[in-house]
Every structure is written in C-alpha cells, then in structure tokens.
C-alpha atoms as a PDB file:
ATOM      1  CA  UNK A   1       1.172 -38.524  16.200  1.00  0.00           C
ATOM      2  CA  UNK A   2      -0.952 -35.439  17.851  1.00  0.00           C
ATOM      3  CA  UNK A   3       2.701 -34.725  19.702  1.00  0.00           C
ATOM      4  CA  UNK A   4       4.335 -34.643  16.131  1.00  0.00           C
ATOM      5  CA  UNK A   5       1.428 -32.730  14.258  1.00  0.00           C
ATOM      6  CA  UNK A   6       1.960 -29.729  16.621  1.00  0.00           C
ATOM      7  CA  UNK A   7       5.345 -29.914  16.583  1.00  0.00           C
ATOM      8  CA  UNK A   8       4.408 -29.130  12.697  1.00  0.00           C
ATOM      9  CA  UNK A   9       2.592 -26.644  13.071  1.00  0.00           C
ATOM     10  CA  UNK A  10       4.239 -24.779  15.817  1.00  0.00           C
ATOM     11  CA  UNK A  11       7.219 -25.460  13.127  1.00  0.00           C
ATOM     12  CA  UNK A  12       5.153 -24.013  10.137  1.00  0.00           C
ATOM     13  CA  UNK A  13       3.801 -20.365  12.625  1.00  0.00           C
ATOM     14  CA  UNK A  14       7.298 -20.196  13.407  1.00  0.00           C
ATOM     15  CA  UNK A  15       8.743 -20.196   9.743  1.00  0.00           C
ATOM     16  CA  UNK A  16       5.696 -17.666   9.129  1.00  0.00           C
ATOM     17  CA  UNK A  17       6.622 -15.314  11.910  1.00  0.00           C
ATOM     18  CA  UNK A  18      10.256 -15.686  10.641  1.00  0.00           C
ATOM     19  CA  UNK A  19       9.440 -14.378   6.935  1.00  0.00           C
ATOM     20  CA  UNK A  20       7.587 -11.576   8.201  1.00  0.00           C
ATOM     21  CA  UNK A  21       9.303 -10.175  11.248  1.00  0.00           C
ATOM     22  CA  UNK A  22      12.926  -8.943   9.077  1.00  0.00           C
ATOM     23  CA  UNK A  23      10.657  -6.851   7.184  1.00  0.00           C
ATOM     24  CA  UNK A  24      10.044  -4.323  10.055  1.00  0.00           C
ATOM     25  CA  UNK A  25      13.702  -3.425  10.171  1.00  0.00           C
ATOM     26  CA  UNK A  26      15.016  -4.384   6.641  1.00  0.00           C
ATOM     27  CA  UNK A  27      13.969  -3.116   3.537  1.00  0.00           C
ATOM     28  CA  UNK A  28      11.734  -5.572   1.223  1.00  0.00           C
ATOM     29  CA  UNK A  29      14.793  -5.423  -1.690  1.00  0.00           C
ATOM     30  CA  UNK A  30      11.508  -6.433  -4.123  1.00  0.00           C
ATOM     31  CA  UNK A  31       8.557  -8.334  -5.083  1.00  0.00           C
ATOM     32  CA  UNK A  32       7.523 -11.173  -7.020  1.00  0.00           C
ATOM     33  CA  UNK A  33       6.133  -8.547  -8.997  1.00  0.00           C
ATOM     34  CA  UNK A  34       8.553  -6.022  -9.421  1.00  0.00           C
ATOM     35  CA  UNK A  35      10.474  -8.986 -10.915  1.00  0.00           C
ATOM     36  CA  UNK A  36       8.081  -9.936 -13.328  1.00  0.00           C
ATOM     37  CA  UNK A  37       7.693  -6.221 -14.795  1.00  0.00           C
ATOM     38  CA  UNK A  38      11.207  -5.961 -15.220  1.00  0.00           C
ATOM     39  CA  UNK A  39      11.515  -8.705 -16.750  1.00  0.00           C
ATOM     40  CA  UNK A  40       8.751  -7.880 -19.224  1.00  0.00           C
ATOM     41  CA  UNK A  41      10.621  -4.429 -19.789  1.00  0.00           C
ATOM     42  CA  UNK A  42      13.914  -5.001 -19.257  1.00  0.00           C
ATOM     43  CA  UNK A  43      13.888  -3.184 -16.423  1.00  0.00           C
ATOM     44  CA  UNK A  44      12.029  -0.606 -13.762  1.00  0.00           C
ATOM     45  CA  UNK A  45      12.563   2.955 -11.850  1.00  0.00           C
ATOM     46  CA  UNK A  46      12.226   2.346  -8.356  1.00  0.00           C
ATOM     47  CA  UNK A  47      14.407   3.897  -5.399  1.00  0.00           C
ATOM     48  CA  UNK A  48      13.432   3.199  -1.801  1.00  0.00           C
ATOM     49  CA  UNK A  49      12.728   6.590   0.361  1.00  0.00           C
ATOM     50  CA  UNK A  50      12.330   6.314   4.176  1.00  0.00           C
ATOM     51  CA  UNK A  51       8.552   7.487   5.413  1.00  0.00           C
ATOM     52  CA  UNK A  52      10.971  10.125   7.005  1.00  0.00           C
ATOM     53  CA  UNK A  53      11.931  11.835   3.064  1.00  0.00           C
ATOM     54  CA  UNK A  54       8.352  12.448   2.155  1.00  0.00           C
ATOM     55  CA  UNK A  55       6.371  14.747   2.284  1.00  0.00           C
ATOM     56  CA  UNK A  56       3.583  14.674   4.851  1.00  0.00           C
ATOM     57  CA  UNK A  57       1.051  15.721   2.434  1.00  0.00           C
ATOM     58  CA  UNK A  58       1.670  12.548   0.484  1.00  0.00           C
ATOM     59  CA  UNK A  59       1.095   9.273   3.188  1.00  0.00           C
ATOM     60  CA  UNK A  60      -2.159  11.029   4.138  1.00  0.00           C
ATOM     61  CA  UNK A  61      -3.560  11.802   0.325  1.00  0.00           C
ATOM     62  CA  UNK A  62      -2.429   8.017  -0.394  1.00  0.00           C
ATOM     63  CA  UNK A  63      -4.761   7.008   2.969  1.00  0.00           C
ATOM     64  CA  UNK A  64      -7.464   9.104   2.506  1.00  0.00           C
ATOM     65  CA  UNK A  65      -7.909   7.779  -1.190  1.00  0.00           C
ATOM     66  CA  UNK A  66      -6.928   4.526  -0.685  1.00  0.00           C
ATOM     67  CA  UNK A  67      -7.962   3.657   3.358  1.00  0.00           C
ATOM     68  CA  UNK A  68      -9.341   6.033   5.199  1.00  0.00           C
ATOM     69  CA  UNK A  69      -9.947   4.537   8.198  1.00  0.00           C
ATOM     70  CA  UNK A  70      -5.806   2.394   8.252  1.00  0.00           C
ATOM     71  CA  UNK A  71      -5.115   3.767  11.942  1.00  0.00           C
ATOM     72  CA  UNK A  72      -8.282   2.039  13.109  1.00  0.00           C
ATOM     73  CA  UNK A  73      -8.633  -1.253  11.596  1.00  0.00           C
ATOM     74  CA  UNK A  74      -6.741  -3.837  12.788  1.00  0.00           C
ATOM     75  CA  UNK A  75      -5.874  -5.131   9.210  1.00  0.00           C
ATOM     76  CA  UNK A  76      -9.690  -5.716   7.747  1.00  0.00           C
ATOM     77  CA  UNK A  77     -11.436  -2.203   7.503  1.00  0.00           C
ATOM     78  CA  UNK A  78     -15.319  -4.408   8.190  1.00  0.00           C
ATOM     79  CA  UNK A  79     -16.993  -1.322   7.463  1.00  0.00           C
ATOM     80  CA  UNK A  80     -15.809  -1.417   4.028  1.00  0.00           C
ATOM     81  CA  UNK A  81     -16.166  -4.773   3.047  1.00  0.00           C
ATOM     82  CA  UNK A  82     -20.285  -4.081   4.349  1.00  0.00           C
ATOM     83  CA  UNK A  83     -20.272  -1.663   2.009  1.00  0.00           C
ATOM     84  CA  UNK A  84     -18.867  -3.014  -1.308  1.00  0.00           C
ATOM     85  CA  UNK A  85     -21.640  -5.905  -0.426  1.00  0.00           C
ATOM     86  CA  UNK A  86     -24.268  -4.162  -0.252  1.00  0.00           C
ATOM     87  CA  UNK A  87     -23.037  -2.297  -3.863  1.00  0.00           C
ATOM     88  CA  UNK A  88     -23.027  -5.795  -5.126  1.00  0.00           C
ATOM     89  CA  UNK A  89     -19.220  -5.066  -6.168  1.00  0.00           C
ATOM     90  CA  UNK A  90     -16.744  -6.973  -7.204  1.00  0.00           C
ATOM     91  CA  UNK A  91     -13.828  -5.609  -5.303  1.00  0.00           C
ATOM     92  CA  UNK A  92     -12.888  -2.259  -3.592  1.00  0.00           C
ATOM     93  CA  UNK A  93     -12.337  -3.063  -0.222  1.00  0.00           C
ATOM     94  CA  UNK A  94      -8.986  -4.033   0.540  1.00  0.00           C
ATOM     95  CA  UNK A  95      -7.168  -2.137   2.787  1.00  0.00           C
ATOM     96  CA  UNK A  96      -2.854  -0.937   2.653  1.00  0.00           C
ATOM     97  CA  UNK A  97      -2.034  -3.474   4.865  1.00  0.00           C
ATOM     98  CA  UNK A  98      -3.438  -6.170   2.379  1.00  0.00           C
ATOM     99  CA  UNK A  99      -2.086  -4.850  -0.330  1.00  0.00           C
ATOM    100  CA  UNK A 100       1.313  -4.529   1.213  1.00  0.00           C
ATOM    101  CA  UNK A 101       0.684  -8.770   2.227  1.00  0.00           C
ATOM    102  CA  UNK A 102      -0.302  -8.955  -1.495  1.00  0.00           C
ATOM    103  CA  UNK A 103       2.611  -7.071  -3.160  1.00  0.00           C
ATOM    104  CA  UNK A 104       5.823  -7.647  -0.786  1.00  0.00           C
ATOM    105  CA  UNK A 105       4.577 -11.828  -0.014  1.00  0.00           C
ATOM    106  CA  UNK A 106       2.614 -13.467  -2.632  1.00  0.00           C
ATOM    107  CA  UNK A 107       1.202 -12.733  -5.873  1.00  0.00           C
ATOM    108  CA  UNK A 108      -1.057 -10.921  -8.429  1.00  0.00           C
ATOM    109  CA  UNK A 109      -4.310 -11.851  -9.893  1.00  0.00           C
ATOM    110  CA  UNK A 110      -7.233 -13.470  -7.918  1.00  0.00           C
ATOM    111  CA  UNK A 111      -7.183 -16.464  -6.621  1.00  0.00           C
ATOM    112  CA  UNK A 112      -8.976 -18.184  -3.416  1.00  0.00           C
ATOM    113  CA  UNK A 113      -5.732 -19.533  -3.021  1.00  0.00           C
ATOM    114  CA  UNK A 114      -4.142 -15.827  -2.914  1.00  0.00           C
ATOM    115  CA  UNK A 115      -6.677 -14.391  -0.877  1.00  0.00           C
ATOM    116  CA  UNK A 116      -6.912 -16.776   1.313  1.00  0.00           C
ATOM    117  CA  UNK A 117      -3.307 -16.130   2.490  1.00  0.00           C
ATOM    118  CA  UNK A 118      -3.637 -12.697   2.570  1.00  0.00           C
ATOM    119  CA  UNK A 119      -6.244 -13.028   4.984  1.00  0.00           C
ATOM    120  CA  UNK A 120      -3.741 -15.358   7.265  1.00  0.00           C
ATOM    121  CA  UNK A 121      -0.501 -12.578   6.578  1.00  0.00           C
ATOM    122  CA  UNK A 122      -2.849  -9.636   7.198  1.00  0.00           C
ATOM    123  CA  UNK A 123      -3.127  -9.743  11.182  1.00  0.00           C
ATOM    124  CA  UNK A 124       0.276 -11.107  11.288  1.00  0.00           C
ATOM    125  CA  UNK A 125       2.219  -7.935   9.773  1.00  0.00           C
ATOM    126  CA  UNK A 126      -0.550  -5.908  11.605  1.00  0.00           C
ATOM    127  CA  UNK A 127       0.992  -7.137  14.885  1.00  0.00           C
ATOM    128  CA  UNK A 128       4.730  -7.342  13.937  1.00  0.00           C
ATOM    129  CA  UNK A 129       4.693  -4.061  11.879  1.00  0.00           C
ATOM    130  CA  UNK A 130       4.080  -0.940  13.366  1.00  0.00           C
ATOM    131  CA  UNK A 131       1.180   1.462  11.184  1.00  0.00           C
ATOM    132  CA  UNK A 132       3.852   3.736   9.867  1.00  0.00           C
ATOM    133  CA  UNK A 133       6.532   0.800   8.872  1.00  0.00           C
ATOM    134  CA  UNK A 134       3.180  -0.559   6.665  1.00  0.00           C
ATOM    135  CA  UNK A 135       2.508   2.160   5.354  1.00  0.00           C
ATOM    136  CA  UNK A 136       6.670   3.257   4.241  1.00  0.00           C
ATOM    137  CA  UNK A 137       6.430   0.335   2.953  1.00  0.00           C
ATOM    138  CA  UNK A 138       3.476   0.583   0.898  1.00  0.00           C
ATOM    139  CA  UNK A 139       4.961   3.888  -0.344  1.00  0.00           C
ATOM    140  CA  UNK A 140       7.754   1.510  -1.989  1.00  0.00           C
ATOM    141  CA  UNK A 141       6.286  -0.991  -3.190  1.00  0.00           C
ATOM    142  CA  UNK A 142       2.892   0.566  -4.726  1.00  0.00           C
ATOM    143  CA  UNK A 143       3.196   0.614  -8.642  1.00  0.00           C
ATOM    144  CA  UNK A 144       2.897   3.836  -9.476  1.00  0.00           C
ATOM    145  CA  UNK A 145       2.893   4.056 -13.528  1.00  0.00           C
ATOM    146  CA  UNK A 146       4.395   2.014 -16.278  1.00  0.00           C
ATOM    147  CA  UNK A 147       7.623   0.271 -14.915  1.00  0.00           C
ATOM    148  CA  UNK A 148       7.804   2.591 -12.386  1.00  0.00           C
ATOM    149  CA  UNK A 149       7.343   1.262  -8.227  1.00  0.00           C
ATOM    150  CA  UNK A 150       7.796   3.621  -5.140  1.00  0.00           C
ATOM    151  CA  UNK A 151       6.827   6.638  -4.473  1.00  0.00           C
ATOM    152  CA  UNK A 152      10.473   8.537  -4.736  1.00  0.00           C
ATOM    153  CA  UNK A 153      10.639   7.745  -8.993  1.00  0.00           C
ATOM    154  CA  UNK A 154       6.767   8.829  -8.880  1.00  0.00           C
ATOM    155  CA  UNK A 155       8.495  11.905  -7.431  1.00  0.00           C
ATOM    156  CA  UNK A 156      11.033  12.021  -9.954  1.00  0.00           C
ATOM    157  CA  UNK A 157       9.495  11.242 -13.333  1.00  0.00           C
ATOM    158  CA  UNK A 158       6.172  12.864 -12.900  1.00  0.00           C
ATOM    159  CA  UNK A 159       6.722  16.720 -11.365  1.00  0.00           C
ATOM    160  CA  UNK A 160      11.101  16.586 -11.323  1.00  0.00           C
ATOM    161  CA  UNK A 161      11.168  16.603  -7.604  1.00  0.00           C
ATOM    162  CA  UNK A 162      11.604  14.218  -4.934  1.00  0.00           C
ATOM    163  CA  UNK A 163       9.390  13.008  -2.778  1.00  0.00           C
ATOM    164  CA  UNK A 164       9.833  15.332   0.155  1.00  0.00           C
ATOM    165  CA  UNK A 165       9.253  18.601  -1.897  1.00  0.00           C
ATOM    166  CA  UNK A 166       5.465  16.820  -3.662  1.00  0.00           C
ATOM    167  CA  UNK A 167       3.297  19.868  -2.931  1.00  0.00           C
ATOM    168  CA  UNK A 168      -0.572  18.925  -1.267  1.00  0.00           C
ATOM    169  CA  UNK A 169      -1.986  19.156  -4.803  1.00  0.00           C
ATOM    170  CA  UNK A 170       0.622  16.578  -6.549  1.00  0.00           C
ATOM    171  CA  UNK A 171       0.373  14.428  -3.426  1.00  0.00           C
ATOM    172  CA  UNK A 172      -3.485  14.199  -4.173  1.00  0.00           C
ATOM    173  CA  UNK A 173      -2.810  13.918  -7.993  1.00  0.00           C
ATOM    174  CA  UNK A 174      -0.517  11.141  -7.267  1.00  0.00           C
ATOM    175  CA  UNK A 175      -3.406   9.282  -5.427  1.00  0.00           C
ATOM    176  CA  UNK A 176      -5.781   9.401  -7.557  1.00  0.00           C
ATOM    177  CA  UNK A 177      -3.125   7.473 -10.129  1.00  0.00           C
ATOM    178  CA  UNK A 178      -2.775   4.635  -7.959  1.00  0.00           C
ATOM    179  CA  UNK A 179      -5.865   2.115  -8.653  1.00  0.00           C
ATOM    180  CA  UNK A 180      -4.637   2.156 -12.433  1.00  0.00           C
ATOM    181  CA  UNK A 181      -1.143   2.919 -12.433  1.00  0.00           C
ATOM    182  CA  UNK A 182      -0.557   2.437 -16.660  1.00  0.00           C
ATOM    183  CA  UNK A 183      -3.232   4.318 -17.643  1.00  0.00           C
ATOM    184  CA  UNK A 184      -3.803   7.179 -15.603  1.00  0.00           C
ATOM    185  CA  UNK A 185      -0.486  10.149 -15.699  1.00  0.00           C
ATOM    186  CA  UNK A 186      -1.095  12.609 -12.027  1.00  0.00           C
ATOM    187  CA  UNK A 187       0.291  15.441 -14.628  1.00  0.00           C
ATOM    188  CA  UNK A 188      -2.591  15.045 -17.293  1.00  0.00           C
ATOM    189  CA  UNK A 189      -5.686  14.088 -15.193  1.00  0.00           C
ATOM    190  CA  UNK A 190      -9.191  14.044 -17.046  1.00  0.00           C
ATOM    191  CA  UNK A 191     -11.650  15.900 -15.427  1.00  0.00           C
ATOM    192  CA  UNK A 192     -13.417  13.633 -13.413  1.00  0.00           C
ATOM    193  CA  UNK A 193      -9.820  12.827 -11.817  1.00  0.00           C
ATOM    194  CA  UNK A 194      -9.194  16.436 -11.046  1.00  0.00           C
ATOM    195  CA  UNK A 195     -12.499  16.597  -8.774  1.00  0.00           C
ATOM    196  CA  UNK A 196     -11.264  13.184  -7.091  1.00  0.00           C
ATOM    197  CA  UNK A 197      -8.149  14.709  -6.412  1.00  0.00           C
ATOM    198  CA  UNK A 198      -9.747  17.637  -4.842  1.00  0.00           C
ATOM    199  CA  UNK A 199     -11.776  15.305  -2.669  1.00  0.00           C
ATOM    200  CA  UNK A 200      -8.402  13.549  -1.332  1.00  0.00           C
ATOM    201  CA  UNK A 201      -6.839  16.969  -0.945  1.00  0.00           C
ATOM    202  CA  UNK A 202     -10.204  17.829   1.523  1.00  0.00           C
ATOM    203  CA  UNK A 203      -9.801  14.042   2.505  1.00  0.00           C
ATOM    204  CA  UNK A 204      -6.073  14.085   4.086  1.00  0.00           C
ATOM    205  CA  UNK A 205      -6.940  17.350   5.901  1.00  0.00           C
ATOM    206  CA  UNK A 206     -10.137  15.851   7.263  1.00  0.00           C
ATOM    207  CA  UNK A 207      -8.078  12.668   8.813  1.00  0.00           C
ATOM    208  CA  UNK A 208      -5.256  14.859   9.728  1.00  0.00           C
ATOM    209  CA  UNK A 209      -8.093  16.622  11.884  1.00  0.00           C
ATOM    210  CA  UNK A 210      -9.796  14.157  12.967  1.00  0.00           C
ATOM    211  CA  UNK A 211      -6.371  12.214  13.816  1.00  0.00           C
ATOM    212  CA  UNK A 212      -7.065   9.684  11.426  1.00  0.00           C
ATOM    213  CA  UNK A 213      -3.835  10.009  10.577  1.00  0.00           C
ATOM    214  CA  UNK A 214      -2.017   9.802  14.005  1.00  0.00           C
ATOM    215  CA  UNK A 215      -0.802   5.939  13.694  1.00  0.00           C
ATOM    216  CA  UNK A 216       1.892   7.418  10.910  1.00  0.00           C
ATOM    217  CA  UNK A 217       2.155  11.090  11.465  1.00  0.00           C
ATOM    218  CA  UNK A 218       6.310  11.901  12.986  1.00  0.00           C
END
C-alpha cells in the first residue's frame, strides 16, 4: 500500500514537471483567460514577441512597477507579503512569477484552491525556467487592454509602433496600465497615473543601476 502510494506521488510529480518544463522552450499557444476573452469578445489581439525584440526600457518598467525584487526572490517576495499584511490589504504581493503561473496554468478569480495550486507551482516554475524566460512569457500573456494581450499588441494599438521601438515614457505608461488594463489607457493617463509612471521610470533606472535587472538583461 505504501509503495503504491509512493509510486502514485512520484507519477503525479513527474506529470507536473512534464507540464511545466516544455514552456521553458516552447511558447504557450494561449491561456484559459485569453480563450475566455476571445469567446466573450469574438476575437482578441495578440502576437508573440521574443524578449530580444522588446525595448529594454519595457521589461525594466514592468519589473519596477510590478515586482521590483523579481531577480532576488525565489518566486515569493516575503517582504512584500509582510508589508501587505501589516497594512491590512487584501492583495498586492503577487510576484511576476505567480502571475505567470496563474495566467498560463490556472484561472482568474480568487479562491483557496487556485491560490494553493499557484503556491505549489510557483517554486517549480522558478526551478525549471530562468528568470528571463519567466519575464518573457509575462510580457506576452499579460492583459494590456480590452481584448488585448502582450506588449507587442499593446505597442501597436496604443502607440502605433513595435515593442522594440517603445520609449521609456511609453514603457512606463504601459506599466501603470497593467493593474487595471480594461479601464486605463496609457495614451490618456490621469494626473495621478502620470505621476505613477514618472515613479516607474525612476524605479526602472534604479533597478538597472543597483543590479536588480541583471537576471533578465541581455
């Protein structure tokens, strides 16, 4: 009985590894959320862009805005979690890795089951994928507007350019849209969001200077 249980556990672990490992090299064709939005809207805009074809200012801006310690933590930012708890906030400590796990393997919405699966898969993704790959997938599966996914499609729609040609100002403007992409437009930011974008530009310069962008810089 114990041996059979052990075999079952090993088989389950092997299956999970086989689920996660291929995306180290293979681009995820879609996600459950992209599919659901495509059904709801009729179609979505999305095109894959390799990280080498993205202006360096954009990954830095997104990391500075979403997860400044991305290169330092193993998938969970303990300090950010403590800060959220101390402030009594309900959310806000998810790392880029956790967001990638949620987008690629799980579903939207808040539930203990989804959170438990996310907690289990995040360290595995961190182990099997390099940080640069995690960020590359994030750049391509993140929702960037209504029916819009990835930075390539966002650059075209909002700025009429490619991800490679985005300026630091455009990159920061796009970064502050991500927490609420359906209601924010990077070309028409409120005064508060313009100030936030300016802070993101400063943060992007800071993480470049202090080495916190080294793990994904080419």
